């Protein structure tokens, strides 16, 4: 019996790349999977899973449209009777330097990535909250997809990096809101070769067919699927980079140092006089705001 026998999962952007690999592994572990993407690619993935003996149905729709999230949840309920897992993965690129980017290029990327994540997460949250209120308690999982550009910034990606950074804080917010309903929400930044990264020559598949393919998108899926299992129930509100043979647990925007006065407003001269203390890198006290703890 698989680790996810009897579970129902939605995976967005699953027609190719890491989303497709997530779907294959979910199905191999016993989950029934709703495959979302645009065009015919969703049904192609679902058909391949069924050919291998798995359970999958397709849904064609744009995650940036408000009704798509509701449609996906309804499909999970109608086809399989419940929903336990949501993996938000759909995304696009419209790279350009900030001084060259158009409004359309900015809006399209923010819409598909950030709004698309929220649309599906919100629909799942509504359903899971109602289930909890009815006394139907079971583990629920959300896994979102960020990127290293979202963690660290990336040139020519002010739209993409902003969206992916927003997904990080969206996940933190959802973690705080939904944990009382049995939901965990985490973020993974895939280090993998996909349709969004296949132009990067250094990420090409090795010529030696027997060599380990560091950037194979299938390398990311075991950790993502593990986050959906019972063994990961204490992991909530966290971010990871996953790729090749590695998993990196990330923490961004943590406290480094601070300066403080005793109940009075700063002057510019006082700030200037103590700038060396602020940027010394030596923490001289407790941060004003502690980072949230989950798990």
Foldseek 3Di string as FASTA:
>chain_A
DALQALAEEEFAPCLWFLNLLLVLVCQVRHYAYEFEEADCSQVVSQVVSVVVVGHYDYDYDQLLDLCVLLVVQVCRCVVRNHHAEYEYDDFDADFAAPVPDDPVRLVVRLSRQQSSLVSNVVNNQVVLVVCVVVVNADAHEYEYEAAVCLQPNDGRPPSRNVSRVNVLVVQLVCLVVCVVSNYAYEYEHEQADIPRHVVPVVQDADPPPPDQRFRRSSQQNVVVVVCSGPVVSQDHSWYWYTTRPDIGTDDPPDDQEDDDDDPDDDDPVNCVVCVCVRPVRDHDDDDPDDDDDTD
